[in-house]
Amino acid sequence: MKTFLKFAFLSVAVLLSSGCSSNYYNIPRETFEKHVKILGVAPIFVDSESDIRHPDKDALVALIKDYNRKNEKELVARLKDTGTFFSVRLLDDDADKLFNNMLFRRERRDDASVVYYKYFYKLPELKELITRNGLDAVMLTVVSGLSRQDTVRSSNLVSYLKADYNMLVMTSQILDANGNILWEFPNFRENSPSLPAFIELQYPDFDEGKANETDRVELKYKTIPGIERVLKKSEDSSFQKGDVKVSSAYSSIFGGMVSLLKPERHYPWSKKKEPVTEEQQPQPAASQQEMQKQVAPAPELVKPVDTKPDDVKPEDTNQEVVKPEVIKEENIK
């Protein structure tokens, strides 16, 4: 019995030690925590030029912008609660003007089988923003439209449709004044990187297919009132003072982001790390590897109605894969 208990304790210790030693940063964690004391959080952007295919796109974009303003303080409160930073401040810039002024380019990426938009910003404007606000780094978060393959099951779990679904996702980066990406979400230093949908915009109408005795299932867009009802679902904030409600959709995605920014816990059995010198710090990557996007498998079991996709801009279809290193955009001028 004693032998079993000893073995169980050691197993738990090893799991905790290995789990807490993960580094989710693009630079050593110690370097990040040493140099990023004052973090600025830009108002959450909406990329209206991304792959948003909803027929009432303008109303959808306006709705998301409104809920961004209502919920972005929750992100700031959660970042403060991590204890990683000395100060976290929400910048009072206008989200649309700031995004349009700073955006250099966007790229639709497929890294480690994770499809998302990666954003690159103009270095002079980025540096001016950080310097003007007296920051060490700034967090830039974007809600964008994205079409990617997914599998959705019917309510009875018998039928399912594998197809390209249009959705909204949320991505984020922490950058310094030199344009280095110090941290990013989705994060490819995780064992199983993923990017959950922020808001699903489409659904398969299994009931209609069944009613018409066909295996062809039509993809339909959720209505704007329906999407708003999803955003209105709220919960109590555990991070803001007072009786504050936060949208459950935002709370979920913020939780995934902030979990990758909490300080590393140290246990008695954890191995002490050697201090990192300036010479040992990794340098920004100067090149990027390219590879062709794998062809997605065809839908199974049921077939979606053929629809002609919207035109996609050339810059939105560029696929690249990068190593999980510090990225410095040398071509930003």
C-alpha atoms as a PDB file:
ATOM      1  CA  MET A   1       0.000   0.000   0.000  1.00  0.00           C
ATOM      2  CA  LYS A   2       2.797   2.389   0.925  1.00  0.00           C
ATOM      3  CA  THR A   3       4.571   1.582  -2.320  1.00  0.00           C
ATOM      4  CA  PHE A   4       1.407   2.353  -4.312  1.00  0.00           C
ATOM      5  CA  LEU A   5       0.873   5.683  -2.543  1.00  0.00           C
ATOM      6  CA  LYS A   6       4.500   6.655  -3.109  1.00  0.00           C
ATOM      7  CA  PHE A   7       4.222   5.824  -6.799  1.00  0.00           C
ATOM      8  CA  ALA A   8       0.961   7.778  -7.142  1.00  0.00           C
ATOM      9  CA  PHE A   9       2.494  10.853  -5.462  1.00  0.00           C
ATOM     10  CA  LEU A  10       5.539  10.773  -7.725  1.00  0.00           C
ATOM     11  CA  SER A  11       3.340  10.427 -10.826  1.00  0.00           C
ATOM     12  CA  VAL A  12       1.283  13.476  -9.860  1.00  0.00           C
ATOM     13  CA  ALA A  13       4.452  15.437  -9.095  1.00  0.00           C
ATOM     14  CA  VAL A  14       5.936  14.652 -12.505  1.00  0.00           C
ATOM     15  CA  LEU A  15       2.733  15.674 -14.293  1.00  0.00           C
ATOM     16  CA  LEU A  16       2.482  18.948 -12.390  1.00  0.00           C
ATOM     17  CA  SER A  17       6.141  19.730 -12.901  1.00  0.00           C
ATOM     18  CA  SER A  18       6.069  19.074 -16.633  1.00  0.00           C
ATOM     19  CA  GLY A  19       2.756  20.889 -17.094  1.00  0.00           C
ATOM     20  CA  CYS A  20       3.947  24.019 -15.312  1.00  0.00           C
ATOM     21  CA  SER A  21       7.254  24.184 -17.135  1.00  0.00           C
ATOM     22  CA  SER A  22       5.660  24.891 -20.532  1.00  0.00           C
ATOM     23  CA  ASN A  23       6.776  28.150 -22.155  1.00  0.00           C
ATOM     24  CA  TYR A  24       4.021  29.831 -24.152  1.00  0.00           C
ATOM     25  CA  TYR A  25       6.105  32.865 -25.114  1.00  0.00           C
ATOM     26  CA  ASN A  26       8.171  33.586 -28.219  1.00  0.00           C
ATOM     27  CA  ILE A  27      11.019  34.670 -25.948  1.00  0.00           C
ATOM     28  CA  PRO A  28      12.158  33.223 -22.590  1.00  0.00           C
ATOM     29  CA  ARG A  29       9.484  33.779 -19.948  1.00  0.00           C
ATOM     30  CA  GLU A  30      12.020  35.362 -17.587  1.00  0.00           C
ATOM     31  CA  THR A  31      12.986  37.894 -20.269  1.00  0.00           C
ATOM     32  CA  PHE A  32       9.334  38.737 -20.947  1.00  0.00           C
ATOM     33  CA  GLU A  33       8.506  39.240 -17.261  1.00  0.00           C
ATOM     34  CA  LYS A  34      11.666  41.296 -16.727  1.00  0.00           C
ATOM     35  CA  HIS A  35      11.136  43.728 -19.597  1.00  0.00           C
ATOM     36  CA  VAL A  36       7.333  43.921 -19.956  1.00  0.00           C
ATOM     37  CA  LYS A  37       6.153  45.631 -16.781  1.00  0.00           C
ATOM     38  CA  ILE A  38       3.714  48.150 -18.282  1.00  0.00           C
ATOM     39  CA  LEU A  39       1.324  46.624 -20.797  1.00  0.00           C
ATOM     40  CA  GLY A  40      -1.081  48.616 -22.922  1.00  0.00           C
ATOM     41  CA  VAL A  41      -4.237  46.954 -24.248  1.00  0.00           C
ATOM     42  CA  ALA A  42      -5.583  48.476 -27.450  1.00  0.00           C
ATOM     43  CA  PRO A  43      -9.356  48.511 -27.938  1.00  0.00           C
ATOM     44  CA  ILE A  44     -10.390  45.276 -29.634  1.00  0.00           C
ATOM     45  CA  PHE A  45     -10.374  45.645 -33.421  1.00  0.00           C
ATOM     46  CA  VAL A  46     -12.808  44.254 -35.988  1.00  0.00           C
ATOM     47  CA  ASP A  47     -11.315  43.444 -39.383  1.00  0.00           C
ATOM     48  CA  SER A  48     -14.254  44.175 -41.652  1.00  0.00           C
ATOM     49  CA  GLU A  49     -12.148  43.314 -44.730  1.00  0.00           C
ATOM     50  CA  SER A  50     -11.540  39.741 -43.567  1.00  0.00           C
ATOM     51  CA  ASP A  51     -13.570  36.731 -44.701  1.00  0.00           C
ATOM     52  CA  ILE A  52     -16.958  37.731 -43.248  1.00  0.00           C
ATOM     53  CA  ARG A  53     -19.566  36.291 -45.615  1.00  0.00           C
ATOM     54  CA  HIS A  54     -22.731  36.997 -43.645  1.00  0.00           C
ATOM     55  CA  PRO A  55     -25.405  38.546 -45.919  1.00  0.00           C
ATOM     56  CA  ASP A  56     -25.977  41.327 -43.365  1.00  0.00           C
ATOM     57  CA  LYS A  57     -22.294  42.019 -42.872  1.00  0.00           C
ATOM     58  CA  ASP A  58     -22.576  45.698 -41.934  1.00  0.00           C
ATOM     59  CA  ALA A  59     -25.041  44.990 -39.128  1.00  0.00           C
ATOM     60  CA  LEU A  60     -22.864  42.118 -37.881  1.00  0.00           C
ATOM     61  CA  VAL A  61     -19.705  44.268 -37.811  1.00  0.00           C
ATOM     62  CA  ALA A  62     -21.524  47.054 -35.957  1.00  0.00           C
ATOM     63  CA  LEU A  63     -22.875  44.537 -33.425  1.00  0.00           C
ATOM     64  CA  ILE A  64     -19.431  43.066 -32.697  1.00  0.00           C
ATOM     65  CA  LYS A  65     -17.873  46.514 -32.322  1.00  0.00           C
ATOM     66  CA  ASP A  66     -20.542  47.413 -29.770  1.00  0.00           C
ATOM     67  CA  TYR A  67     -19.947  44.267 -27.723  1.00  0.00           C
ATOM     68  CA  ASN A  68     -16.176  44.737 -27.948  1.00  0.00           C
ATOM     69  CA  ARG A  69     -16.528  48.065 -26.148  1.00  0.00           C
ATOM     70  CA  LYS A  70     -18.792  46.500 -23.521  1.00  0.00           C
ATOM     71  CA  ASN A  71     -16.454  43.599 -22.723  1.00  0.00           C
ATOM     72  CA  GLU A  72     -12.843  44.658 -23.349  1.00  0.00           C
ATOM     73  CA  LYS A  73     -12.461  45.924 -19.765  1.00  0.00           C
ATOM     74  CA  GLU A  74     -12.855  42.314 -18.679  1.00  0.00           C
ATOM     75  CA  LEU A  75      -9.720  41.413 -20.639  1.00  0.00           C
ATOM     76  CA  VAL A  76      -7.788  44.185 -18.888  1.00  0.00           C
ATOM     77  CA  ALA A  77      -9.038  43.049 -15.467  1.00  0.00           C
ATOM     78  CA  ARG A  78      -8.001  39.452 -16.159  1.00  0.00           C
ATOM     79  CA  LEU A  79      -4.547  40.532 -17.300  1.00  0.00           C
ATOM     80  CA  LYS A  80      -4.109  42.544 -14.099  1.00  0.00           C
ATOM     81  CA  ASP A  81      -5.182  39.537 -12.041  1.00  0.00           C
ATOM     82  CA  THR A  82      -2.352  37.382 -13.433  1.00  0.00           C
ATOM     83  CA  GLY A  83       0.216  39.383 -11.449  1.00  0.00           C
ATOM     84  CA  THR A  84       2.561  39.199 -14.444  1.00  0.00           C
ATOM     85  CA  PHE A  85       2.536  42.950 -15.042  1.00  0.00           C
ATOM     86  CA  PHE A  86       3.138  45.976 -12.839  1.00  0.00           C
ATOM     87  CA  SER A  87       0.479  47.915 -14.732  1.00  0.00           C
ATOM     88  CA  VAL A  88      -2.117  47.102 -17.410  1.00  0.00           C
ATOM     89  CA  ARG A  89      -3.923  49.982 -19.121  1.00  0.00           C
ATOM     90  CA  LEU A  90      -6.730  50.089 -21.681  1.00  0.00           C
ATOM     91  CA  LEU A  91      -5.787  52.647 -24.330  1.00  0.00           C
ATOM     92  CA  ASP A  92      -8.428  55.259 -25.124  1.00  0.00           C
ATOM     93  CA  ASP A  93      -7.715  55.401 -28.877  1.00  0.00           C
ATOM     94  CA  ASP A  94     -10.546  54.929 -31.361  1.00  0.00           C
ATOM     95  CA  ALA A  95     -10.445  51.271 -32.424  1.00  0.00           C
ATOM     96  CA  ASP A  96     -11.236  51.797 -36.135  1.00  0.00           C
ATOM     97  CA  LYS A  97      -8.821  54.705 -36.624  1.00  0.00           C
ATOM     98  CA  LEU A  98      -6.036  52.934 -34.754  1.00  0.00           C
ATOM     99  CA  PHE A  99      -6.446  49.707 -36.721  1.00  0.00           C
ATOM    100  CA  ASN A 100      -6.606  51.429 -40.117  1.00  0.00           C
ATOM    101  CA  ASN A 101      -3.599  53.588 -39.254  1.00  0.00           C
ATOM    102  CA  MET A 102      -1.415  50.734 -37.998  1.00  0.00           C
ATOM    103  CA  LEU A 103      -2.328  47.769 -40.209  1.00  0.00           C
ATOM    104  CA  PHE A 104       0.408  46.849 -42.675  1.00  0.00           C
ATOM    105  CA  ARG A 105      -1.041  43.597 -44.034  1.00  0.00           C
ATOM    106  CA  ARG A 106      -2.996  40.479 -43.107  1.00  0.00           C
ATOM    107  CA  GLU A 107      -2.243  36.910 -44.114  1.00  0.00           C
ATOM    108  CA  ARG A 108      -4.509  33.883 -44.025  1.00  0.00           C
ATOM    109  CA  ARG A 109      -2.337  31.211 -42.452  1.00  0.00           C
ATOM    110  CA  ASP A 110      -2.433  27.467 -41.925  1.00  0.00           C
ATOM    111  CA  ASP A 111       0.163  26.785 -39.228  1.00  0.00           C
ATOM    112  CA  ALA A 112       0.245  23.370 -37.539  1.00  0.00           C
ATOM    113  CA  SER A 113      -3.217  22.717 -39.039  1.00  0.00           C
ATOM    114  CA  VAL A 114      -4.564  25.866 -37.356  1.00  0.00           C
ATOM    115  CA  VAL A 115      -6.235  28.228 -39.842  1.00  0.00           C
ATOM    116  CA  TYR A 116      -6.308  31.887 -38.828  1.00  0.00           C
ATOM    117  CA  TYR A 117      -5.405  35.431 -39.904  1.00  0.00           C
ATOM    118  CA  LYS A 118      -2.012  36.766 -38.890  1.00  0.00           C
ATOM    119  CA  TYR A 119      -1.641  40.544 -38.707  1.00  0.00           C
ATOM    120  CA  PHE A 120       1.409  42.678 -39.352  1.00  0.00           C
ATOM    121  CA  TYR A 121       1.632  46.302 -38.272  1.00  0.00           C
ATOM    122  CA  LYS A 122       3.566  49.353 -39.434  1.00  0.00           C
ATOM    123  CA  LEU A 123       6.663  49.745 -37.279  1.00  0.00           C
ATOM    124  CA  PRO A 124       6.723  53.580 -37.032  1.00  0.00           C
ATOM    125  CA  GLU A 125       3.067  53.748 -35.990  1.00  0.00           C
ATOM    126  CA  LEU A 126       3.503  50.859 -33.542  1.00  0.00           C
ATOM    127  CA  LYS A 127       6.551  52.481 -31.969  1.00  0.00           C
ATOM    128  CA  GLU A 128       4.770  55.834 -31.717  1.00  0.00           C
ATOM    129  CA  LEU A 129       1.798  54.219 -29.955  1.00  0.00           C
ATOM    130  CA  ILE A 130       4.003  52.478 -27.400  1.00  0.00           C
ATOM    131  CA  THR A 131       6.196  55.524 -26.798  1.00  0.00           C
ATOM    132  CA  ARG A 132       3.301  57.976 -26.556  1.00  0.00           C
ATOM    133  CA  ASN A 133       1.625  55.907 -23.865  1.00  0.00           C
ATOM    134  CA  GLY A 134       4.813  55.091 -21.949  1.00  0.00           C
ATOM    135  CA  LEU A 135       4.452  51.331 -22.471  1.00  0.00           C
ATOM    136  CA  ASP A 136       6.854  48.433 -22.588  1.00  0.00           C
ATOM    137  CA  ALA A 137       4.588  46.519 -24.988  1.00  0.00           C
ATOM    138  CA  VAL A 138       1.052  46.590 -26.376  1.00  0.00           C
ATOM    139  CA  MET A 139      -1.578  43.888 -26.873  1.00  0.00           C
ATOM    140  CA  LEU A 140      -3.412  44.078 -30.203  1.00  0.00           C
ATOM    141  CA  THR A 141      -6.518  41.879 -30.463  1.00  0.00           C
ATOM    142  CA  VAL A 142      -8.578  41.388 -33.616  1.00  0.00           C
ATOM    143  CA  VAL A 143     -11.961  39.820 -34.353  1.00  0.00           C
ATOM    144  CA  SER A 144     -11.960  38.560 -37.933  1.00  0.00           C
ATOM    145  CA  GLY A 145     -14.096  36.452 -40.246  1.00  0.00           C
ATOM    146  CA  LEU A 146     -12.794  33.053 -41.272  1.00  0.00           C
ATOM    147  CA  SER A 147     -13.991  30.080 -43.311  1.00  0.00           C
ATOM    148  CA  ARG A 148     -12.513  26.737 -42.329  1.00  0.00           C
ATOM    149  CA  GLN A 149     -13.489  23.088 -42.437  1.00  0.00           C
ATOM    150  CA  ASP A 150     -15.360  21.770 -39.435  1.00  0.00           C
ATOM    151  CA  THR A 151     -17.730  18.940 -38.538  1.00  0.00           C
ATOM    152  CA  VAL A 152     -21.155  19.680 -37.073  1.00  0.00           C
ATOM    153  CA  ARG A 153     -23.505  16.953 -35.865  1.00  0.00           C
ATOM    154  CA  SER A 154     -27.293  16.984 -35.783  1.00  0.00           C
ATOM    155  CA  SER A 155     -29.162  17.103 -32.490  1.00  0.00           C
ATOM    156  CA  ASN A 156     -29.597  13.321 -32.540  1.00  0.00           C
ATOM    157  CA  LEU A 157     -25.821  12.877 -33.116  1.00  0.00           C
ATOM    158  CA  VAL A 158     -26.527  10.456 -35.977  1.00  0.00           C
ATOM    159  CA  SER A 159     -26.032  12.727 -38.972  1.00  0.00           C
ATOM    160  CA  TYR A 160     -23.158  15.106 -39.425  1.00  0.00           C
ATOM    161  CA  LEU A 161     -21.831  17.486 -42.030  1.00  0.00           C
ATOM    162  CA  LYS A 162     -18.168  18.126 -42.679  1.00  0.00           C
ATOM    163  CA  ALA A 163     -17.854  21.323 -44.697  1.00  0.00           C
ATOM    164  CA  ASP A 164     -16.399  24.832 -44.760  1.00  0.00           C
ATOM    165  CA  TYR A 165     -18.159  26.994 -42.170  1.00  0.00           C
ATOM    166  CA  ASN A 166     -17.959  30.762 -41.893  1.00  0.00           C
ATOM    167  CA  MET A 167     -17.278  32.036 -38.364  1.00  0.00           C
ATOM    168  CA  LEU A 168     -15.713  34.806 -36.322  1.00  0.00           C
ATOM    169  CA  VAL A 169     -12.448  34.166 -34.500  1.00  0.00           C
ATOM    170  CA  MET A 170     -10.368  36.278 -32.126  1.00  0.00           C
ATOM    171  CA  THR A 171      -6.577  36.485 -32.354  1.00  0.00           C
ATOM    172  CA  SER A 172      -4.109  38.530 -30.322  1.00  0.00           C
ATOM    173  CA  GLN A 173      -0.449  39.554 -30.180  1.00  0.00           C
ATOM    174  CA  ILE A 174       1.803  41.333 -27.688  1.00  0.00           C
ATOM    175  CA  LEU A 175       4.448  43.384 -29.491  1.00  0.00           C
ATOM    176  CA  ASP A 176       7.291  45.619 -28.374  1.00  0.00           C
ATOM    177  CA  ALA A 177       8.371  48.906 -29.953  1.00  0.00           C
ATOM    178  CA  ASN A 178      10.746  47.072 -32.319  1.00  0.00           C
ATOM    179  CA  GLY A 179       7.939  45.020 -33.817  1.00  0.00           C
ATOM    180  CA  ASN A 180       8.920  41.756 -32.114  1.00  0.00           C
ATOM    181  CA  ILE A 181       6.001  39.430 -31.403  1.00  0.00           C
ATOM    182  CA  LEU A 182       6.628  38.501 -27.771  1.00  0.00           C
ATOM    183  CA  TRP A 183       3.470  36.431 -27.352  1.00  0.00           C
ATOM    184  CA  GLU A 184       0.564  35.433 -29.564  1.00  0.00           C
ATOM    185  CA  PHE A 185      -2.797  33.689 -29.564  1.00  0.00           C
ATOM    186  CA  PRO A 186      -3.257  31.142 -31.037  1.00  0.00           C
ATOM    187  CA  ASN A 187       0.022  29.953 -29.558  1.00  0.00           C
ATOM    188  CA  PHE A 188       2.049  27.356 -31.414  1.00  0.00           C
ATOM    189  CA  ARG A 189       4.255  26.436 -28.466  1.00  0.00           C
ATOM    190  CA  GLU A 190       1.351  24.469 -27.040  1.00  0.00           C
ATOM    191  CA  ASN A 191       1.379  20.717 -27.494  1.00  0.00           C
ATOM    192  CA  SER A 192      -1.955  20.871 -29.321  1.00  0.00           C
ATOM    193  CA  PRO A 193      -2.426  24.386 -30.701  1.00  0.00           C
ATOM    194  CA  SER A 194      -5.986  25.358 -31.522  1.00  0.00           C
ATOM    195  CA  LEU A 195      -8.146  28.376 -32.224  1.00  0.00           C
ATOM    196  CA  PRO A 196     -11.743  27.992 -31.053  1.00  0.00           C
ATOM    197  CA  ALA A 197     -14.484  29.820 -32.900  1.00  0.00           C
ATOM    198  CA  PHE A 198     -15.575  33.034 -31.224  1.00  0.00           C
ATOM    199  CA  ILE A 199     -18.991  33.126 -32.914  1.00  0.00           C
ATOM    200  CA  GLU A 200     -20.343  30.496 -35.328  1.00  0.00           C
ATOM    201  CA  LEU A 201     -22.068  32.267 -38.216  1.00  0.00           C
ATOM    202  CA  GLN A 202     -23.447  29.225 -40.067  1.00  0.00           C
ATOM    203  CA  TYR A 203     -25.296  26.027 -39.230  1.00  0.00           C
ATOM    204  CA  PRO A 204     -26.455  22.977 -41.251  1.00  0.00           C
ATOM    205  CA  ASP A 205     -30.228  22.620 -41.561  1.00  0.00           C
ATOM    206  CA  PHE A 206     -30.572  18.882 -40.946  1.00  0.00           C
ATOM    207  CA  ASP A 207     -34.315  19.154 -40.313  1.00  0.00           C
ATOM    208  CA  GLU A 208     -34.969  20.597 -43.762  1.00  0.00           C
ATOM    209  CA  GLY A 209     -32.923  17.856 -45.404  1.00  0.00           C
ATOM    210  CA  LYS A 210     -34.829  15.200 -43.474  1.00  0.00           C
ATOM    211  CA  ALA A 211     -38.196  16.787 -44.300  1.00  0.00           C
ATOM    212  CA  ASN A 212     -37.341  16.723 -48.002  1.00  0.00           C
ATOM    213  CA  GLU A 213     -36.012  13.145 -47.862  1.00  0.00           C
ATOM    214  CA  THR A 214     -32.554  14.181 -49.134  1.00  0.00           C
ATOM    215  CA  ASP A 215     -29.010  13.783 -47.902  1.00  0.00           C
ATOM    216  CA  ARG A 216     -28.162  17.247 -49.205  1.00  0.00           C
ATOM    217  CA  VAL A 217     -28.037  19.656 -46.279  1.00  0.00           C
ATOM    218  CA  GLU A 218     -28.089  23.409 -46.740  1.00  0.00           C
ATOM    219  CA  LEU A 219     -25.777  25.675 -44.770  1.00  0.00           C
ATOM    220  CA  LYS A 220     -27.648  28.690 -43.431  1.00  0.00           C
ATOM    221  CA  TYR A 221     -26.510  31.891 -41.737  1.00  0.00           C
ATOM    222  CA  LYS A 222     -27.666  32.739 -38.251  1.00  0.00           C
ATOM    223  CA  THR A 223     -29.777  35.884 -38.052  1.00  0.00           C
ATOM    224  CA  ILE A 224     -28.415  39.064 -36.490  1.00  0.00           C
ATOM    225  CA  PRO A 225     -30.967  38.859 -33.623  1.00  0.00           C
ATOM    226  CA  GLY A 226     -29.875  35.252 -33.066  1.00  0.00           C
ATOM    227  CA  ILE A 227     -26.199  36.223 -32.898  1.00  0.00           C
ATOM    228  CA  GLU A 228     -27.039  39.061 -30.516  1.00  0.00           C
ATOM    229  CA  ARG A 229     -28.859  36.623 -28.221  1.00  0.00           C
ATOM    230  CA  VAL A 230     -25.664  34.537 -28.118  1.00  0.00           C
ATOM    231  CA  LEU A 231     -23.627  37.620 -27.171  1.00  0.00           C
ATOM    232  CA  LYS A 232     -26.183  38.686 -24.563  1.00  0.00           C
ATOM    233  CA  LYS A 233     -25.736  35.495 -22.564  1.00  0.00           C
ATOM    234  CA  SER A 234     -23.720  36.743 -19.602  1.00  0.00           C
ATOM    235  CA  GLU A 235     -22.137  35.732 -16.325  1.00  0.00           C
ATOM    236  CA  ASP A 236     -20.807  37.530 -13.273  1.00  0.00           C
ATOM    237  CA  SER A 237     -17.276  38.846 -13.595  1.00  0.00           C
ATOM    238  CA  SER A 238     -14.873  37.557 -10.969  1.00  0.00           C
ATOM    239  CA  PHE A 239     -12.223  40.073 -11.968  1.00  0.00           C
ATOM    240  CA  GLN A 240     -13.988  43.462 -12.009  1.00  0.00           C
ATOM    241  CA  LYS A 241     -15.199  45.291  -8.942  1.00  0.00           C
ATOM    242  CA  GLY A 242     -18.913  45.695  -8.372  1.00  0.00           C
ATOM    243  CA  ASP A 243     -21.838  43.881  -9.915  1.00  0.00           C
ATOM    244  CA  VAL A 244     -20.399  43.566 -13.426  1.00  0.00           C
ATOM    245  CA  LYS A 245     -21.677  41.182 -16.077  1.00  0.00           C
ATOM    246  CA  VAL A 246     -19.551  39.912 -18.942  1.00  0.00           C
ATOM    247  CA  SER A 247     -20.666  38.166 -22.123  1.00  0.00           C
ATOM    248  CA  SER A 248     -20.058  34.416 -21.808  1.00  0.00           C
ATOM    249  CA  ALA A 249     -18.675  34.315 -25.354  1.00  0.00           C
ATOM    250  CA  TYR A 250     -16.016  36.896 -24.470  1.00  0.00           C
ATOM    251  CA  SER A 251     -15.355  35.332 -21.076  1.00  0.00           C
ATOM    252  CA  SER A 252     -14.559  32.000 -22.712  1.00  0.00           C
ATOM    253  CA  ILE A 253     -12.096  33.360 -25.279  1.00  0.00           C
ATOM    254  CA  PHE A 254     -10.459  35.716 -22.760  1.00  0.00           C
ATOM    255  CA  GLY A 255      -9.934  32.779 -20.419  1.00  0.00           C
ATOM    256  CA  GLY A 256      -8.029  30.898 -23.107  1.00  0.00           C
ATOM    257  CA  MET A 257      -5.818  33.900 -23.821  1.00  0.00           C
ATOM    258  CA  VAL A 258      -4.984  34.904 -20.263  1.00  0.00           C
ATOM    259  CA  SER A 259      -4.253  31.329 -19.168  1.00  0.00           C
ATOM    260  CA  LEU A 260      -1.136  31.557 -21.356  1.00  0.00           C
ATOM    261  CA  LEU A 261       0.087  34.703 -19.581  1.00  0.00           C
ATOM    262  CA  LYS A 262      -0.064  33.610 -15.953  1.00  0.00           C
ATOM    263  CA  PRO A 263       3.257  33.364 -14.077  1.00  0.00           C
ATOM    264  CA  GLU A 264       4.862  29.964 -13.908  1.00  0.00           C
ATOM    265  CA  ARG A 265       4.296  28.140 -10.644  1.00  0.00           C
ATOM    266  CA  HIS A 266       7.308  26.680  -8.889  1.00  0.00           C
ATOM    267  CA  TYR A 267       7.103  23.520  -6.817  1.00  0.00           C
ATOM    268  CA  PRO A 268       9.727  21.996  -4.477  1.00  0.00           C
ATOM    269  CA  TRP A 269      10.384  19.276  -7.051  1.00  0.00           C
ATOM    270  CA  SER A 270      10.629  21.671 -10.015  1.00  0.00           C
ATOM    271  CA  LYS A 271      14.062  21.923 -11.583  1.00  0.00           C
ATOM    272  CA  LYS A 272      15.601  25.358 -11.238  1.00  0.00           C
ATOM    273  CA  LYS A 273      16.336  27.081 -14.515  1.00  0.00           C
ATOM    274  CA  GLU A 274      19.687  28.590 -15.332  1.00  0.00           C
ATOM    275  CA  PRO A 275      19.572  32.389 -15.708  1.00  0.00           C
ATOM    276  CA  VAL A 276      19.346  33.548 -19.310  1.00  0.00           C
ATOM    277  CA  THR A 277      22.047  35.968 -20.435  1.00  0.00           C
ATOM    278  CA  GLU A 278      21.680  38.534 -23.167  1.00  0.00           C
ATOM    279  CA  GLU A 279      23.921  36.411 -25.448  1.00  0.00           C
ATOM    280  CA  GLN A 280      21.666  33.385 -24.950  1.00  0.00           C
ATOM    281  CA  GLN A 281      18.460  35.174 -25.857  1.00  0.00           C
ATOM    282  CA  PRO A 282      17.079  34.094 -29.250  1.00  0.00           C
ATOM    283  CA  GLN A 283      17.250  36.633 -32.035  1.00  0.00           C
ATOM    284  CA  PRO A 284      14.202  37.572 -34.131  1.00  0.00           C
ATOM    285  CA  ALA A 285      13.612  35.274 -37.059  1.00  0.00           C
ATOM    286  CA  ALA A 286      14.651  36.875 -40.338  1.00  0.00           C
ATOM    287  CA  SER A 287      12.949  34.446 -42.701  1.00  0.00           C
ATOM    288  CA  GLN A 288       9.776  32.455 -42.998  1.00  0.00           C
ATOM    289  CA  GLN A 289       9.241  28.967 -44.453  1.00  0.00           C
ATOM    290  CA  GLU A 290       6.515  28.376 -46.986  1.00  0.00           C
ATOM    291  CA  MET A 291       4.586  25.226 -47.694  1.00  0.00           C
ATOM    292  CA  GLN A 292       1.502  24.374 -49.677  1.00  0.00           C
ATOM    293  CA  LYS A 293      -1.817  24.060 -47.915  1.00  0.00           C
ATOM    294  CA  GLN A 294      -3.093  20.495 -47.676  1.00  0.00           C
ATOM    295  CA  VAL A 295      -6.268  19.730 -49.562  1.00  0.00           C
ATOM    296  CA  ALA A 296      -9.148  19.251 -47.121  1.00  0.00           C
ATOM    297  CA  PRO A 297     -11.175  16.000 -47.390  1.00  0.00           C
ATOM    298  CA  ALA A 298     -14.610  16.095 -48.999  1.00  0.00           C
ATOM    299  CA  PRO A 299     -17.745  16.273 -46.830  1.00  0.00           C
ATOM    300  CA  GLU A 300     -18.973  12.920 -45.554  1.00  0.00           C
ATOM    301  CA  LEU A 301     -22.342  11.315 -44.980  1.00  0.00           C
ATOM    302  CA  VAL A 302     -24.341  14.344 -46.051  1.00  0.00           C
ATOM    303  CA  LYS A 303     -23.614  16.821 -48.777  1.00  0.00           C
ATOM    304  CA  PRO A 304     -23.871  20.596 -48.539  1.00  0.00           C
ATOM    305  CA  VAL A 305     -25.726  22.559 -51.171  1.00  0.00           C
ATOM    306  CA  ASP A 306     -23.284  23.890 -53.736  1.00  0.00           C
ATOM    307  CA  THR A 307     -22.650  27.555 -53.141  1.00  0.00           C
ATOM    308  CA  LYS A 308     -20.255  29.879 -54.876  1.00  0.00           C
ATOM    309  CA  PRO A 309     -17.849  31.397 -52.335  1.00  0.00           C
ATOM    310  CA  ASP A 310     -17.241  35.103 -52.222  1.00  0.00           C
ATOM    311  CA  ASP A 311     -14.145  36.466 -53.906  1.00  0.00           C
ATOM    312  CA  VAL A 312     -11.141  36.365 -51.654  1.00  0.00           C
ATOM    313  CA  LYS A 313      -8.414  38.934 -51.962  1.00  0.00           C
ATOM    314  CA  PRO A 314      -4.952  37.628 -52.961  1.00  0.00           C
ATOM    315  CA  GLU A 315      -3.476  38.750 -49.653  1.00  0.00           C
ATOM    316  CA  ASP A 316      -6.088  36.657 -47.816  1.00  0.00           C
ATOM    317  CA  THR A 317      -5.049  33.402 -49.494  1.00  0.00           C
ATOM    318  CA  ASN A 318      -1.318  33.474 -48.863  1.00  0.00           C
ATOM    319  CA  GLN A 319      -0.441  30.382 -46.823  1.00  0.00           C
ATOM    320  CA  GLU A 320       2.736  30.295 -44.791  1.00  0.00           C
ATOM    321  CA  VAL A 321       4.130  28.291 -41.934  1.00  0.00           C
ATOM    322  CA  VAL A 322       6.534  29.849 -39.461  1.00  0.00           C
ATOM    323  CA  LYS A 323       8.649  28.428 -36.686  1.00  0.00           C
ATOM    324  CA  PRO A 324       7.570  29.307 -33.145  1.00  0.00           C
ATOM    325  CA  GLU A 325      10.289  31.882 -32.672  1.00  0.00           C
ATOM    326  CA  VAL A 326      10.453  35.628 -32.131  1.00  0.00           C
ATOM    327  CA  ILE A 327       9.238  37.221 -35.305  1.00  0.00           C
ATOM    328  CA  LYS A 328      10.517  40.606 -36.422  1.00  0.00           C
ATOM    329  CA  GLU A 329       9.040  42.108 -39.529  1.00  0.00           C
ATOM    330  CA  GLU A 330      12.141  43.423 -41.320  1.00  0.00           C
ATOM    331  CA  ASN A 331      10.077  44.650 -44.253  1.00  0.00           C
ATOM    332  CA  ILE A 332       7.871  46.983 -42.278  1.00  0.00           C
ATOM    333  CA  LYS A 333       8.866  50.542 -43.059  1.00  0.00           C
END
